[in-house]
Amino acid sequence: MRFSTQVKPISTLKANAAELLNEIAATRQPLVITQNGEAKAVLQDVVSYEQTQETLALLKILALGQKQVDAGRTVPAREAIERLRRRREP
């Protein structure tokens, strides 16, 4: 994805908000909004935003897991499975 093709000044957003929102929803491409020639914001459709947030959450979980491995806070898989089985027993 090239952001250079998806850059609009804030005046375009103000004048054509509905049209731009429809375009963003259809293409699922973010739109960089500029003010006084500087990038100030990114406009993104909700579905893409939610997917990004889910991806970030998974990456955080992976990073946490890696920290635990690096710190030596692991147990063999058989032991972990056995612990889970014991918890399920009445």
Protein backbone atom coordinates (compact mmCIF):
# COMPACT_ATOMS: atom_id res chain seq x y z
CA MET A 1 0.00 0.00 0.00
CA ARG A 2 1.33 3.41 -0.90
CA PHE A 3 0.24 6.22 1.35
CA SER A 4 1.30 8.79 -1.26
CA THR A 5 -1.81 7.99 -3.29
CA GLN A 6 -4.06 8.22 -0.25
CA VAL A 7 -3.27 11.73 1.02
CA LYS A 8 -5.90 14.47 1.15
CA PRO A 9 -5.93 17.91 2.76
CA ILE A 10 -8.36 18.54 5.57
CA SER A 11 -10.31 20.92 3.31
CA THR A 12 -11.13 17.99 1.00
CA LEU A 13 -12.33 15.99 3.99
CA LYS A 14 -14.54 18.87 5.13
CA ALA A 15 -16.05 19.35 1.68
CA ASN A 16 -16.46 15.69 0.75
CA ALA A 17 -16.70 13.75 4.02
CA ALA A 18 -19.50 11.38 2.98
CA GLU A 19 -17.86 10.56 -0.36
CA LEU A 20 -14.47 9.95 1.25
CA LEU A 21 -16.00 7.72 3.93
CA ASN A 22 -17.72 5.65 1.24
CA GLU A 23 -14.41 5.36 -0.66
CA ILE A 24 -12.53 4.28 2.46
CA ALA A 25 -15.19 1.69 3.28
CA ALA A 26 -15.12 0.32 -0.28
CA THR A 27 -11.35 0.20 -0.75
CA ARG A 28 -10.41 -0.56 2.88
CA GLN A 29 -7.43 1.72 2.35
CA PRO A 30 -6.57 4.31 5.01
CA LEU A 31 -6.53 7.97 4.11
CA VAL A 32 -3.85 10.35 5.41
CA ILE A 33 -5.28 13.76 6.27
CA THR A 34 -2.96 16.76 6.08
CA GLN A 35 -3.21 20.19 7.65
CA ASN A 36 -0.95 22.97 6.46
CA GLY A 37 0.94 20.42 4.37
CA GLU A 38 1.75 18.12 7.30
CA ALA A 39 0.27 14.68 7.94
CA LYS A 40 -2.00 15.03 10.98
CA ALA A 41 -4.33 12.02 11.02
CA VAL A 42 -5.22 8.74 9.41
CA LEU A 43 -8.81 7.91 8.55
CA GLN A 44 -9.60 4.20 8.44
CA ASP A 45 -12.73 2.07 8.05
CA VAL A 46 -14.03 0.39 11.19
CA VAL A 47 -13.51 -3.21 10.00
CA SER A 48 -9.84 -2.56 9.23
CA TYR A 49 -9.41 -0.78 12.55
CA GLU A 50 -10.92 -3.71 14.46
CA GLN A 51 -8.67 -6.17 12.61
CA THR A 52 -5.64 -4.04 13.45
CA GLN A 53 -6.61 -3.97 17.12
CA GLU A 54 -7.07 -7.76 17.18
CA THR A 55 -3.67 -8.22 15.52
CA LEU A 56 -2.03 -5.93 18.07
CA ALA A 57 -3.65 -7.85 20.93
CA LEU A 58 -2.29 -11.14 19.55
CA LEU A 59 1.16 -9.65 19.12
CA LYS A 60 1.10 -8.46 22.74
CA ILE A 61 0.19 -11.98 23.87
CA LEU A 62 3.05 -13.41 21.80
CA ALA A 63 5.49 -10.88 23.24
CA LEU A 64 4.37 -11.73 26.77
CA GLY A 65 4.84 -15.43 26.04
CA GLN A 66 8.32 -14.78 24.67
CA LYS A 67 9.24 -12.85 27.82
CA GLN A 68 8.12 -15.80 29.93
CA VAL A 69 10.21 -18.19 27.81
CA ASP A 70 13.23 -15.88 28.05
CA ALA A 71 12.79 -15.74 31.84
CA GLY A 72 12.68 -19.53 32.03
CA ARG A 73 9.08 -19.59 33.20
CA THR A 74 8.11 -22.71 31.27
CA VAL A 75 6.99 -26.25 32.06
CA PRO A 76 7.08 -29.33 29.84
CA ALA A 77 3.90 -29.81 27.79
CA ARG A 78 3.05 -33.12 29.51
CA GLU A 79 3.20 -31.46 32.92
CA ALA A 80 1.00 -28.57 31.76
CA ILE A 81 -1.57 -30.98 30.29
CA GLU A 82 -1.57 -33.03 33.48
CA ARG A 83 -2.19 -29.89 35.57
CA LEU A 84 -5.13 -28.97 33.34
CA ARG A 85 -6.60 -32.46 33.63
CA ARG A 86 -6.36 -32.34 37.43
CA ARG A 87 -8.23 -29.01 37.47
CA ARG A 88 -11.09 -30.54 35.49
CA GLU A 89 -11.53 -33.50 37.85
CA PRO A 90 -14.41 -33.17 40.31
